Amino acid sequence: MKEGFTIIESLVIPSDFEAVTHVEVLVDKVCNNLGVNEDFYGNVLIAVTEAVNNAIEHGNKKEALMEVNVFVSDNPIEFCFSVKDQGRGFDFENLPDPTSPENLLKENGRGIYLMRNLADEVEFEDAGRSVNIYFNK
């Protein structure tokens, strides 16, 4: 994560898609507390839940005993959701383009594309086990 951020919230959930509702509640709380414009609320919600879903499915392989950590950090000009899984990581530098014709009909492969298009910045760390999703205020 970039320098100058202070953690303002955190959450630990099991690798279970039903636990994503707790993340949605966290996003609501953070967006309310930071005064996020409701026009951008949907971007935050979709980007963060995509990251958590990816952590559960691809990172932790839906292993119920593995956890997903969500941290929210803040500074005067932006805020950041960090999502960390306990998996092996992945090659985030070489992802297939979900907009190319051979990928258009695939059922998955759009999560990171969505995150990058809905957030102001997306950064991967720890061999892809951690993603930081930045939003300008």
C-alpha atoms as a PDB file:
ATOM      1  CA  MET A   1       0.000   0.000   0.000  1.00  0.00           C
ATOM      2  CA  LYS A   2       1.071   3.538  -0.598  1.00  0.00           C
ATOM      3  CA  GLU A   3       2.512   5.573   2.256  1.00  0.00           C
ATOM      4  CA  GLY A   4       0.462   8.004   4.333  1.00  0.00           C
ATOM      5  CA  PHE A   5      -2.625   5.881   4.903  1.00  0.00           C
ATOM      6  CA  THR A   6      -4.205   5.113   8.276  1.00  0.00           C
ATOM      7  CA  ILE A   7      -6.258   1.965   8.791  1.00  0.00           C
ATOM      8  CA  ILE A   8      -9.773   2.986   9.841  1.00  0.00           C
ATOM      9  CA  GLU A   9     -11.637  -0.354   9.626  1.00  0.00           C
ATOM     10  CA  SER A  10     -10.850  -4.039   9.307  1.00  0.00           C
ATOM     11  CA  LEU A  11     -12.772  -7.252   8.872  1.00  0.00           C
ATOM     12  CA  VAL A  12     -11.897 -10.943   8.747  1.00  0.00           C
ATOM     13  CA  ILE A  13     -14.287 -13.348   7.049  1.00  0.00           C
ATOM     14  CA  PRO A  14     -14.163 -17.074   6.279  1.00  0.00           C
ATOM     15  CA  SER A  15     -13.810 -18.235   2.666  1.00  0.00           C
ATOM     16  CA  ASP A  16     -17.564 -18.509   2.268  1.00  0.00           C
ATOM     17  CA  PHE A  17     -19.600 -16.496  -0.221  1.00  0.00           C
ATOM     18  CA  GLU A  18     -22.326 -15.983   2.396  1.00  0.00           C
ATOM     19  CA  ALA A  19     -19.824 -13.915   4.403  1.00  0.00           C
ATOM     20  CA  VAL A  20     -19.661 -11.332   1.591  1.00  0.00           C
ATOM     21  CA  THR A  21     -22.721  -9.694   3.162  1.00  0.00           C
ATOM     22  CA  HIS A  22     -20.436  -8.559   6.008  1.00  0.00           C
ATOM     23  CA  VAL A  23     -18.191  -6.884   3.431  1.00  0.00           C
ATOM     24  CA  GLU A  24     -21.207  -5.131   1.921  1.00  0.00           C
ATOM     25  CA  VAL A  25     -22.106  -3.775   5.365  1.00  0.00           C
ATOM     26  CA  LEU A  26     -18.510  -2.563   5.785  1.00  0.00           C
ATOM     27  CA  VAL A  27     -18.603  -0.794   2.405  1.00  0.00           C
ATOM     28  CA  ASP A  28     -21.888   0.896   3.385  1.00  0.00           C
ATOM     29  CA  LYS A  29     -20.435   2.053   6.697  1.00  0.00           C
ATOM     30  CA  VAL A  30     -17.199   3.364   5.185  1.00  0.00           C
ATOM     31  CA  CYS A  31     -18.939   5.157   2.326  1.00  0.00           C
ATOM     32  CA  ASN A  32     -21.363   6.812   4.781  1.00  0.00           C
ATOM     33  CA  ASN A  33     -18.604   7.824   7.193  1.00  0.00           C
ATOM     34  CA  LEU A  34     -16.397   9.244   4.423  1.00  0.00           C
ATOM     35  CA  GLY A  35     -19.270  10.986   2.648  1.00  0.00           C
ATOM     36  CA  VAL A  36     -18.784   9.121  -0.624  1.00  0.00           C
ATOM     37  CA  ASN A  37     -21.082  10.497  -3.305  1.00  0.00           C
ATOM     38  CA  GLU A  38     -23.877   8.015  -3.952  1.00  0.00           C
ATOM     39  CA  ASP A  39     -23.042   8.139  -7.675  1.00  0.00           C
ATOM     40  CA  PHE A  40     -19.721   6.435  -6.834  1.00  0.00           C
ATOM     41  CA  TYR A  41     -20.996   4.112  -4.118  1.00  0.00           C
ATOM     42  CA  GLY A  42     -21.834   1.383  -6.651  1.00  0.00           C
ATOM     43  CA  ASN A  43     -18.298   1.496  -8.054  1.00  0.00           C
ATOM     44  CA  VAL A  44     -16.844   0.952  -4.594  1.00  0.00           C
ATOM     45  CA  LEU A  45     -19.287  -1.833  -3.749  1.00  0.00           C
ATOM     46  CA  ILE A  46     -18.752  -3.758  -6.994  1.00  0.00           C
ATOM     47  CA  ALA A  47     -14.949  -3.390  -7.023  1.00  0.00           C
ATOM     48  CA  VAL A  48     -14.554  -4.477  -3.391  1.00  0.00           C
ATOM     49  CA  THR A  49     -16.984  -7.400  -3.585  1.00  0.00           C
ATOM     50  CA  GLU A  50     -15.278  -8.599  -6.786  1.00  0.00           C
ATOM     51  CA  ALA A  51     -11.944  -8.578  -4.949  1.00  0.00           C
ATOM     52  CA  VAL A  52     -13.417 -10.512  -2.015  1.00  0.00           C
ATOM     53  CA  ASN A  53     -15.131 -13.028  -4.310  1.00  0.00           C
ATOM     54  CA  ASN A  54     -11.824 -13.566  -6.144  1.00  0.00           C
ATOM     55  CA  ALA A  55     -10.023 -14.054  -2.815  1.00  0.00           C
ATOM     56  CA  ILE A  56     -12.561 -16.673  -1.727  1.00  0.00           C
ATOM     57  CA  GLU A  57     -12.793 -18.551  -5.028  1.00  0.00           C
ATOM     58  CA  HIS A  58      -9.388 -18.240  -6.660  1.00  0.00           C
ATOM     59  CA  GLY A  59      -7.099 -17.339  -3.756  1.00  0.00           C
ATOM     60  CA  ASN A  60      -8.364 -19.571  -0.972  1.00  0.00           C
ATOM     61  CA  LYS A  61     -10.051 -22.112  -3.297  1.00  0.00           C
ATOM     62  CA  LYS A  62     -13.211 -21.914  -1.117  1.00  0.00           C
ATOM     63  CA  GLU A  63     -11.352 -23.601   1.761  1.00  0.00           C
ATOM     64  CA  ALA A  64     -13.608 -22.811   4.724  1.00  0.00           C
ATOM     65  CA  LEU A  65     -10.716 -22.737   7.208  1.00  0.00           C
ATOM     66  CA  MET A  66      -8.889 -20.047   5.223  1.00  0.00           C
ATOM     67  CA  GLU A  67      -9.673 -16.394   5.847  1.00  0.00           C
ATOM     68  CA  VAL A  68     -10.010 -13.232   3.823  1.00  0.00           C
ATOM     69  CA  ASN A  69      -8.832 -10.021   5.470  1.00  0.00           C
ATOM     70  CA  VAL A  70     -10.279  -6.661   4.466  1.00  0.00           C
ATOM     71  CA  PHE A  71      -8.675  -3.423   5.609  1.00  0.00           C
ATOM     72  CA  VAL A  72      -9.882   0.093   4.917  1.00  0.00           C
ATOM     73  CA  SER A  73      -7.325   2.874   4.937  1.00  0.00           C
ATOM     74  CA  ASP A  74      -7.744   6.592   4.566  1.00  0.00           C
ATOM     75  CA  ASN A  75      -5.780   9.734   3.868  1.00  0.00           C
ATOM     76  CA  PRO A  76      -6.901  13.292   3.062  1.00  0.00           C
ATOM     77  CA  ILE A  77      -7.363  12.718  -0.684  1.00  0.00           C
ATOM     78  CA  GLU A  78      -8.238   9.038  -1.147  1.00  0.00           C
ATOM     79  CA  PHE A  79      -9.305   5.854   0.609  1.00  0.00           C
ATOM     80  CA  CYS A  80      -8.309   2.255  -0.017  1.00  0.00           C
ATOM     81  CA  PHE A  81      -9.798  -1.192   0.484  1.00  0.00           C
ATOM     82  CA  SER A  82      -7.145  -3.906   0.833  1.00  0.00           C
ATOM     83  CA  VAL A  83      -8.239  -7.508   0.361  1.00  0.00           C
ATOM     84  CA  LYS A  84      -5.839 -10.292   1.346  1.00  0.00           C
ATOM     85  CA  ASP A  85      -6.236 -14.029   0.958  1.00  0.00           C
ATOM     86  CA  GLN A  86      -4.146 -16.981   2.152  1.00  0.00           C
ATOM     87  CA  GLY A  87      -3.698 -18.623  -1.237  1.00  0.00           C
ATOM     88  CA  ARG A  88      -0.645 -19.084  -3.442  1.00  0.00           C
ATOM     89  CA  GLY A  89      -1.087 -15.857  -5.401  1.00  0.00           C
ATOM     90  CA  PHE A  90      -1.275 -15.527  -9.181  1.00  0.00           C
ATOM     91  CA  ASP A  91       0.379 -13.833 -12.140  1.00  0.00           C
ATOM     92  CA  PHE A  92      -1.497 -10.546 -12.189  1.00  0.00           C
ATOM     93  CA  GLU A  93       0.797  -9.190 -14.910  1.00  0.00           C
ATOM     94  CA  ASN A  94      -0.410 -11.648 -17.581  1.00  0.00           C
ATOM     95  CA  LEU A  95      -4.188 -11.826 -17.501  1.00  0.00           C
ATOM     96  CA  PRO A  96      -6.339 -12.610 -20.532  1.00  0.00           C
ATOM     97  CA  ASP A  97      -8.257  -9.622 -21.923  1.00  0.00           C
ATOM     98  CA  PRO A  98     -11.957 -10.243 -21.150  1.00  0.00           C
ATOM     99  CA  THR A  99     -12.937  -7.906 -24.010  1.00  0.00           C
ATOM    100  CA  SER A 100     -11.159  -9.891 -26.721  1.00  0.00           C
ATOM    101  CA  PRO A 101     -13.523 -11.912 -28.948  1.00  0.00           C
ATOM    102  CA  GLU A 102     -12.379 -15.340 -27.711  1.00  0.00           C
ATOM    103  CA  ASN A 103     -13.169 -14.366 -24.100  1.00  0.00           C
ATOM    104  CA  LEU A 104     -16.481 -12.525 -24.515  1.00  0.00           C
ATOM    105  CA  LEU A 105     -18.679 -15.545 -23.855  1.00  0.00           C
ATOM    106  CA  LYS A 106     -16.693 -16.917 -20.924  1.00  0.00           C
ATOM    107  CA  GLU A 107     -18.534 -16.935 -17.616  1.00  0.00           C
ATOM    108  CA  ASN A 108     -15.604 -15.630 -15.581  1.00  0.00           C
ATOM    109  CA  GLY A 109     -12.442 -13.576 -15.962  1.00  0.00           C
ATOM    110  CA  ARG A 110     -13.918 -10.092 -15.596  1.00  0.00           C
ATOM    111  CA  GLY A 111     -13.357  -9.367 -11.899  1.00  0.00           C
ATOM    112  CA  ILE A 112      -9.988  -7.647 -12.147  1.00  0.00           C
ATOM    113  CA  TYR A 113     -11.095  -5.859 -15.319  1.00  0.00           C
ATOM    114  CA  LEU A 114     -14.091  -4.483 -13.390  1.00  0.00           C
ATOM    115  CA  MET A 115     -11.939  -3.458 -10.428  1.00  0.00           C
ATOM    116  CA  ARG A 116      -9.523  -1.579 -12.692  1.00  0.00           C
ATOM    117  CA  ASN A 117     -12.356   0.216 -14.475  1.00  0.00           C
ATOM    118  CA  LEU A 118     -14.380   1.125 -11.382  1.00  0.00           C
ATOM    119  CA  ALA A 119     -11.562   2.216  -9.052  1.00  0.00           C
ATOM    120  CA  ASP A 120      -9.075   5.042  -9.475  1.00  0.00           C
ATOM    121  CA  GLU A 121      -6.145   2.669  -9.008  1.00  0.00           C
ATOM    122  CA  VAL A 122      -5.620  -1.050  -8.374  1.00  0.00           C
ATOM    123  CA  GLU A 123      -2.347  -2.429  -7.054  1.00  0.00           C
ATOM    124  CA  PHE A 124      -1.366  -6.038  -6.354  1.00  0.00           C
ATOM    125  CA  GLU A 125       1.144  -7.098  -3.707  1.00  0.00           C
ATOM    126  CA  ASP A 126       2.505 -10.271  -2.136  1.00  0.00           C
ATOM    127  CA  ALA A 127       2.544 -12.257  -5.423  1.00  0.00           C
ATOM    128  CA  GLY A 128      -1.127 -11.421  -5.991  1.00  0.00           C
ATOM    129  CA  ARG A 129      -2.391 -12.505  -2.564  1.00  0.00           C
ATOM    130  CA  SER A 130      -3.225  -8.891  -1.738  1.00  0.00           C
ATOM    131  CA  VAL A 131      -4.994  -6.220  -3.777  1.00  0.00           C
ATOM    132  CA  ASN A 132      -5.280  -2.541  -2.874  1.00  0.00           C
ATOM    133  CA  ILE A 133      -8.219  -0.729  -4.448  1.00  0.00           C
ATOM    134  CA  TYR A 134      -7.931   3.066  -4.322  1.00  0.00           C
ATOM    135  CA  PHE A 135     -10.724   5.615  -4.668  1.00  0.00           C
ATOM    136  CA  ASN A 136     -10.349   9.389  -4.779  1.00  0.00           C
ATOM    137  CA  LYS A 137     -12.547  11.363  -2.421  1.00  0.00           C
END
